[in-house]
Amino acid sequence: DKNKMEKKYKDYIIDKISLDELLL
């Protein structure tokens, strides 16, 4: 849950994911 994690870890970078990155 990217949005939830952004609120919980405000000082961290959270990028969107591609299918390639998900697979890896």
PDB file of all heavy atoms in Angstrom:
ATOM      1  N   ASP A   1       0.852  -1.190   0.000  1.00  0.00           N
ATOM      2  CA  ASP A   1       0.000   0.000   0.000  1.00  0.00           C
ATOM      3  C   ASP A   1       0.887   1.238   0.000  1.00  0.00           C
ATOM      4  O   ASP A   1       1.286   1.751   1.042  1.00  0.00           O
ATOM      5  CB  ASP A   1      -0.916  -0.016   1.230  1.00  0.00           C
ATOM      6  CG  ASP A   1      -2.027   1.018   1.122  1.00  0.00           C
ATOM      7  OD1 ASP A   1      -1.792   2.075   0.504  1.00  0.00           O
ATOM      8  OD2 ASP A   1      -3.129   0.763   1.662  1.00  0.00           O
ATOM      9  N   LYS A   2       1.177   1.727  -1.208  1.00  0.00           N
ATOM     10  CA  LYS A   2       2.128   2.839  -1.364  1.00  0.00           C
ATOM     11  C   LYS A   2       1.670   4.086  -0.610  1.00  0.00           C
ATOM     12  O   LYS A   2       2.457   4.720   0.093  1.00  0.00           O
ATOM     13  CB  LYS A   2       2.300   3.142  -2.855  1.00  0.00           C
ATOM     14  CG  LYS A   2       3.275   4.263  -3.179  1.00  0.00           C
ATOM     15  CD  LYS A   2       3.430   4.398  -4.690  1.00  0.00           C
ATOM     16  CE  LYS A   2       4.382   5.533  -5.040  1.00  0.00           C
ATOM     17  NZ  LYS A   2       3.782   6.862  -4.739  1.00  0.00           N
ATOM     18  N   ASN A   3       0.412   4.434  -0.734  1.00  0.00           N
ATOM     19  CA  ASN A   3      -0.090   5.656  -0.088  1.00  0.00           C
ATOM     20  C   ASN A   3      -0.012   5.552   1.434  1.00  0.00           C
ATOM     21  O   ASN A   3       0.368   6.502   2.120  1.00  0.00           O
ATOM     22  CB  ASN A   3      -1.535   5.930  -0.520  1.00  0.00           C
ATOM     23  CG  ASN A   3      -1.625   6.308  -1.983  1.00  0.00           C
ATOM     24  OD1 ASN A   3      -0.662   6.833  -2.555  1.00  0.00           O
ATOM     25  ND2 ASN A   3      -2.769   6.058  -2.588  1.00  0.00           N
ATOM     26  N   LYS A   4      -0.369   4.395   1.956  1.00  0.00           N
ATOM     27  CA  LYS A   4      -0.302   4.181   3.401  1.00  0.00           C
ATOM     28  C   LYS A   4       1.139   4.247   3.891  1.00  0.00           C
ATOM     29  O   LYS A   4       1.430   4.842   4.948  1.00  0.00           O
ATOM     30  CB  LYS A   4      -0.913   2.827   3.749  1.00  0.00           C
ATOM     31  CG  LYS A   4      -0.938   2.522   5.232  1.00  0.00           C
ATOM     32  CD  LYS A   4      -1.561   1.154   5.484  1.00  0.00           C
ATOM     33  CE  LYS A   4      -1.520   0.797   6.968  1.00  0.00           C
ATOM     34  NZ  LYS A   4      -2.104  -0.558   7.209  1.00  0.00           N
ATOM     35  N   MET A   5       2.044   3.664   3.119  1.00  0.00           N
ATOM     36  CA  MET A   5       3.450   3.666   3.508  1.00  0.00           C
ATOM     37  C   MET A   5       4.045   5.077   3.452  1.00  0.00           C
ATOM     38  O   MET A   5       4.911   5.426   4.258  1.00  0.00           O
ATOM     39  CB  MET A   5       4.261   2.720   2.610  1.00  0.00           C
ATOM     40  CG  MET A   5       3.914   1.237   2.760  1.00  0.00           C
ATOM     41  SD  MET A   5       4.161   0.577   4.432  1.00  0.00           S
ATOM     42  CE  MET A   5       2.456   0.540   5.036  1.00  0.00           C
ATOM     43  N   GLU A   6       3.598   5.886   2.492  1.00  0.00           N
ATOM     44  CA  GLU A   6       4.093   7.258   2.393  1.00  0.00           C
ATOM     45  C   GLU A   6       3.713   8.070   3.629  1.00  0.00           C
ATOM     46  O   GLU A   6       4.464   8.931   4.082  1.00  0.00           O
ATOM     47  CB  GLU A   6       3.539   7.919   1.126  1.00  0.00           C
ATOM     48  CG  GLU A   6       4.231   7.464  -0.144  1.00  0.00           C
ATOM     49  CD  GLU A   6       3.596   8.027  -1.392  1.00  0.00           C
ATOM     50  OE1 GLU A   6       2.384   8.366  -1.359  1.00  0.00           O
ATOM     51  OE2 GLU A   6       4.301   8.124  -2.414  1.00  0.00           O
ATOM     52  N   LYS A   7       2.531   7.790   4.165  1.00  0.00           N
ATOM     53  CA  LYS A   7       2.095   8.494   5.386  1.00  0.00           C
ATOM     54  C   LYS A   7       2.850   7.982   6.605  1.00  0.00           C
ATOM     55  O   LYS A   7       3.163   8.744   7.523  1.00  0.00           O
ATOM     56  CB  LYS A   7       0.590   8.301   5.576  1.00  0.00           C
ATOM     57  CG  LYS A   7      -0.253   8.998   4.512  1.00  0.00           C
ATOM     58  CD  LYS A   7      -1.731   8.670   4.685  1.00  0.00           C
ATOM     59  CE  LYS A   7      -2.546   9.315   3.575  1.00  0.00           C
ATOM     60  NZ  LYS A   7      -3.982   8.943   3.673  1.00  0.00           N
ATOM     61  N   LYS A   8       3.135   6.692   6.616  1.00  0.00           N
ATOM     62  CA  LYS A   8       3.797   6.080   7.771  1.00  0.00           C
ATOM     63  C   LYS A   8       5.294   6.383   7.780  1.00  0.00           C
ATOM     64  O   LYS A   8       5.881   6.618   8.849  1.00  0.00           O
ATOM     65  CB  LYS A   8       3.575   4.569   7.754  1.00  0.00           C
ATOM     66  CG  LYS A   8       4.122   3.854   8.975  1.00  0.00           C
ATOM     67  CD  LYS A   8       3.692   2.383   8.984  1.00  0.00           C
ATOM     68  CE  LYS A   8       4.216   1.656  10.206  1.00  0.00           C
ATOM     69  NZ  LYS A   8       3.763   0.225  10.237  1.00  0.00           N
ATOM     70  N   TYR A   9       5.926   6.375   6.592  1.00  0.00           N
ATOM     71  CA  TYR A   9       7.372   6.600   6.499  1.00  0.00           C
ATOM     72  C   TYR A   9       7.622   7.865   5.672  1.00  0.00           C
ATOM     73  O   TYR A   9       8.017   7.803   4.507  1.00  0.00           O
ATOM     74  CB  TYR A   9       8.052   5.387   5.868  1.00  0.00           C
ATOM     75  CG  TYR A   9       7.807   4.091   6.609  1.00  0.00           C
ATOM     76  CD1 TYR A   9       6.921   3.137   6.109  1.00  0.00           C
ATOM     77  CD2 TYR A   9       8.444   3.819   7.815  1.00  0.00           C
ATOM     78  CE1 TYR A   9       6.676   1.947   6.784  1.00  0.00           C
ATOM     79  CE2 TYR A   9       8.216   2.640   8.505  1.00  0.00           C
ATOM     80  CZ  TYR A   9       7.323   1.704   7.989  1.00  0.00           C
ATOM     81  OH  TYR A   9       7.092   0.541   8.672  1.00  0.00           O
ATOM     82  N   LYS A  10       7.344   9.013   6.281  1.00  0.00           N
ATOM     83  CA  LYS A  10       7.352  10.294   5.562  1.00  0.00           C
ATOM     84  C   LYS A  10       8.740  10.703   5.072  1.00  0.00           C
ATOM     85  O   LYS A  10       8.861  11.485   4.132  1.00  0.00           O
ATOM     86  CB  LYS A  10       6.769  11.382   6.458  1.00  0.00           C
ATOM     87  CG  LYS A  10       5.293  11.169   6.779  1.00  0.00           C
ATOM     88  CD  LYS A  10       4.757  12.272   7.676  1.00  0.00           C
ATOM     89  CE  LYS A  10       3.285  12.037   7.982  1.00  0.00           C
ATOM     90  NZ  LYS A  10       2.727  13.082   8.888  1.00  0.00           N
ATOM     91  N   ASP A  11       9.770  10.210   5.730  1.00  0.00           N
ATOM     92  CA  ASP A  11      11.125  10.625   5.364  1.00  0.00           C
ATOM     93  C   ASP A  11      11.793   9.687   4.351  1.00  0.00           C
ATOM     94  O   ASP A  11      12.983   9.836   4.060  1.00  0.00           O
ATOM     95  CB  ASP A  11      12.001  10.712   6.619  1.00  0.00           C
ATOM     96  CG  ASP A  11      11.520  11.779   7.590  1.00  0.00           C
ATOM     97  OD1 ASP A  11      10.968  12.793   7.117  1.00  0.00           O
ATOM     98  OD2 ASP A  11      11.676  11.590   8.811  1.00  0.00           O
ATOM     99  N   TYR A  12      11.023   8.736   3.833  1.00  0.00           N
ATOM    100  CA  TYR A  12      11.583   7.732   2.926  1.00  0.00           C
ATOM    101  C   TYR A  12      11.058   7.949   1.503  1.00  0.00           C
ATOM    102  O   TYR A  12       9.952   8.460   1.300  1.00  0.00           O
ATOM    103  CB  TYR A  12      11.223   6.327   3.390  1.00  0.00           C
ATOM    104  CG  TYR A  12      11.839   5.921   4.714  1.00  0.00           C
ATOM    105  CD1 TYR A  12      11.309   6.377   5.911  1.00  0.00           C
ATOM    106  CD2 TYR A  12      12.944   5.077   4.764  1.00  0.00           C
ATOM    107  CE1 TYR A  12      11.860   6.027   7.130  1.00  0.00           C
ATOM    108  CE2 TYR A  12      13.505   4.707   5.984  1.00  0.00           C
ATOM    109  CZ  TYR A  12      12.955   5.189   7.158  1.00  0.00           C
ATOM    110  OH  TYR A  12      13.505   4.827   8.362  1.00  0.00           O
ATOM    111  N   ILE A  13      11.849   7.539   0.565  1.00  0.00           N
ATOM    112  CA  ILE A  13      11.431   7.578  -0.836  1.00  0.00           C
ATOM    113  C   ILE A  13      10.661   6.294  -1.150  1.00  0.00           C
ATOM    114  O   ILE A  13      11.147   5.196  -0.881  1.00  0.00           O
ATOM    115  CB  ILE A  13      12.650   7.686  -1.780  1.00  0.00           C
ATOM    116  CG1 ILE A  13      13.387   9.006  -1.552  1.00  0.00           C
ATOM    117  CG2 ILE A  13      12.221   7.552  -3.237  1.00  0.00           C
ATOM    118  CD1 ILE A  13      14.716   9.092  -2.274  1.00  0.00           C
ATOM    119  N   ILE A  14       9.454   6.450  -1.687  1.00  0.00           N
ATOM    120  CA  ILE A  14       8.669   5.285  -2.112  1.00  0.00           C
ATOM    121  C   ILE A  14       8.241   5.515  -3.558  1.00  0.00           C
ATOM    122  O   ILE A  14       7.429   6.395  -3.850  1.00  0.00           O
ATOM    123  CB  ILE A  14       7.431   5.059  -1.216  1.00  0.00           C
ATOM    124  CG1 ILE A  14       7.860   4.945   0.251  1.00  0.00           C
ATOM    125  CG2 ILE A  14       6.689   3.793  -1.662  1.00  0.00           C
ATOM    126  CD1 ILE A  14       6.698   4.782   1.218  1.00  0.00           C
ATOM    127  N   ASP A  15       8.828   4.747  -4.477  1.00  0.00           N
ATOM    128  CA  ASP A  15       8.569   4.905  -5.906  1.00  0.00           C
ATOM    129  C   ASP A  15       7.454   3.976  -6.377  1.00  0.00           C
ATOM    130  O   ASP A  15       7.204   2.926  -5.768  1.00  0.00           O
ATOM    131  CB  ASP A  15       9.836   4.587  -6.710  1.00  0.00           C
ATOM    132  CG  ASP A  15      10.931   5.612  -6.501  1.00  0.00           C
ATOM    133  OD1 ASP A  15      10.596   6.783  -6.180  1.00  0.00           O
ATOM    134  OD2 ASP A  15      12.117   5.258  -6.637  1.00  0.00           O
ATOM    135  N   LYS A  16       6.804   4.384  -7.462  1.00  0.00           N
ATOM    136  CA  LYS A  16       5.870   3.463  -8.134  1.00  0.00           C
ATOM    137  C   LYS A  16       6.655   2.293  -8.689  1.00  0.00           C
ATOM    138  O   LYS A  16       7.862   2.386  -8.901  1.00  0.00           O
ATOM    139  CB  LYS A  16       5.125   4.189  -9.260  1.00  0.00           C
ATOM    140  CG  LYS A  16       4.149   5.242  -8.777  1.00  0.00           C
ATOM    141  CD  LYS A  16       3.330   5.808  -9.919  1.00  0.00           C
ATOM    142  CE  LYS A  16       2.302   4.807 -10.422  1.00  0.00           C
ATOM    143  NZ  LYS A  16       1.362   5.407 -11.409  1.00  0.00           N
ATOM    144  N   ILE A  17       5.964   1.207  -8.958  1.00  0.00           N
ATOM    145  CA  ILE A  17       6.647  -0.008  -9.379  1.00  0.00           C
ATOM    146  C   ILE A  17       6.248  -0.393 -10.803  1.00  0.00           C
ATOM    147  O   ILE A  17       5.111  -0.151 -11.230  1.00  0.00           O
ATOM    148  CB  ILE A  17       6.343  -1.169  -8.403  1.00  0.00           C
ATOM    149  CG1 ILE A  17       7.361  -2.300  -8.567  1.00  0.00           C
ATOM    150  CG2 ILE A  17       4.909  -1.675  -8.563  1.00  0.00           C
ATOM    151  CD1 ILE A  17       7.352  -3.276  -7.406  1.00  0.00           C
ATOM    152  N   SER A  18       7.192  -0.941 -11.526  1.00  0.00           N
ATOM    153  CA  SER A  18       6.903  -1.518 -12.846  1.00  0.00           C
ATOM    154  C   SER A  18       6.744  -3.025 -12.684  1.00  0.00           C
ATOM    155  O   SER A  18       7.127  -3.599 -11.664  1.00  0.00           O
ATOM    156  CB  SER A  18       8.045  -1.219 -13.820  1.00  0.00           C
ATOM    157  OG  SER A  18       9.217  -1.918 -13.437  1.00  0.00           O
ATOM    158  N   LEU A  19       6.191  -3.675 -13.693  1.00  0.00           N
ATOM    159  CA  LEU A  19       6.061  -5.130 -13.634  1.00  0.00           C
ATOM    160  C   LEU A  19       7.427  -5.809 -13.610  1.00  0.00           C
ATOM    161  O   LEU A  19       7.605  -6.841 -12.969  1.00  0.00           O
ATOM    162  CB  LEU A  19       5.231  -5.636 -14.820  1.00  0.00           C
ATOM    163  CG  LEU A  19       3.753  -5.264 -14.816  1.00  0.00           C
ATOM    164  CD1 LEU A  19       3.047  -5.879 -16.026  1.00  0.00           C
ATOM    165  CD2 LEU A  19       3.065  -5.709 -13.530  1.00  0.00           C
ATOM    166  N   ASP A  20       8.407  -5.221 -14.305  1.00  0.00           N
ATOM    167  CA  ASP A  20       9.776  -5.767 -14.265  1.00  0.00           C
ATOM    168  C   ASP A  20      10.325  -5.751 -12.843  1.00  0.00           C
ATOM    169  O   ASP A  20      10.910  -6.727 -12.371  1.00  0.00           O
ATOM    170  CB  ASP A  20      10.702  -4.950 -15.178  1.00  0.00           C
ATOM    171  CG  ASP A  20      10.803  -5.528 -16.576  1.00  0.00           C
ATOM    172  OD1 ASP A  20      10.376  -6.688 -16.775  1.00  0.00           O
ATOM    173  OD2 ASP A  20      11.290  -4.836 -17.469  1.00  0.00           O
ATOM    174  N   GLU A  21      10.140  -4.623 -12.154  1.00  0.00           N
ATOM    175  CA  GLU A  21      10.644  -4.495 -10.789  1.00  0.00           C
ATOM    176  C   GLU A  21       9.896  -5.430  -9.841  1.00  0.00           C
ATOM    177  O   GLU A  21      10.486  -6.031  -8.942  1.00  0.00           O
ATOM    178  CB  GLU A  21      10.510  -3.044 -10.326  1.00  0.00           C
ATOM    179  CG  GLU A  21      11.451  -2.087 -11.051  1.00  0.00           C
ATOM    180  CD  GLU A  21      11.110  -0.637 -10.808  1.00  0.00           C
ATOM    181  OE1 GLU A  21       9.895  -0.304 -10.703  1.00  0.00           O
ATOM    182  OE2 GLU A  21      12.041   0.186 -10.737  1.00  0.00           O
ATOM    183  N   LEU A  22       8.595  -5.556 -10.046  1.00  0.00           N
ATOM    184  CA  LEU A  22       7.800  -6.465  -9.232  1.00  0.00           C
ATOM    185  C   LEU A  22       8.290  -7.904  -9.394  1.00  0.00           C
ATOM    186  O   LEU A  22       8.477  -8.631  -8.416  1.00  0.00           O
ATOM    187  CB  LEU A  22       6.326  -6.375  -9.634  1.00  0.00           C
ATOM    188  CG  LEU A  22       5.371  -7.293  -8.882  1.00  0.00           C
ATOM    189  CD1 LEU A  22       5.091  -6.757  -7.487  1.00  0.00           C
ATOM    190  CD2 LEU A  22       4.057  -7.469  -9.644  1.00  0.00           C
ATOM    191  N   LEU A  23       8.505  -8.302 -10.654  1.00  0.00           N
ATOM    192  CA  LEU A  23       8.992  -9.653 -10.936  1.00  0.00           C
ATOM    193  C   LEU A  23      10.338  -9.894 -10.264  1.00  0.00           C
ATOM    194  O   LEU A  23      10.560 -10.941  -9.645  1.00  0.00           O
ATOM    195  CB  LEU A  23       9.094  -9.852 -12.451  1.00  0.00           C
ATOM    196  CG  LEU A  23       9.653 -11.186 -12.942  1.00  0.00           C
ATOM    197  CD1 LEU A  23       8.760 -12.342 -12.515  1.00  0.00           C
ATOM    198  CD2 LEU A  23       9.800 -11.174 -14.466  1.00  0.00           C
ATOM    199  N   LEU A  24      11.229  -8.928 -10.377  1.00  0.00           N
ATOM    200  CA  LEU A  24      12.566  -9.068  -9.800  1.00  0.00           C
ATOM    201  C   LEU A  24      12.507  -9.197  -8.283  1.00  0.00           C
ATOM    202  O   LEU A  24      13.160 -10.070  -7.688  1.00  0.00           O
ATOM    203  CB  LEU A  24      13.435  -7.872 -10.191  1.00  0.00           C
ATOM    204  CG  LEU A  24      14.870  -7.865  -9.667  1.00  0.00           C
ATOM    205  CD1 LEU A  24      15.652  -9.048 -10.226  1.00  0.00           C
ATOM    206  CD2 LEU A  24      15.570  -6.557 -10.021  1.00  0.00           C
TER     207      LEU A  24
END
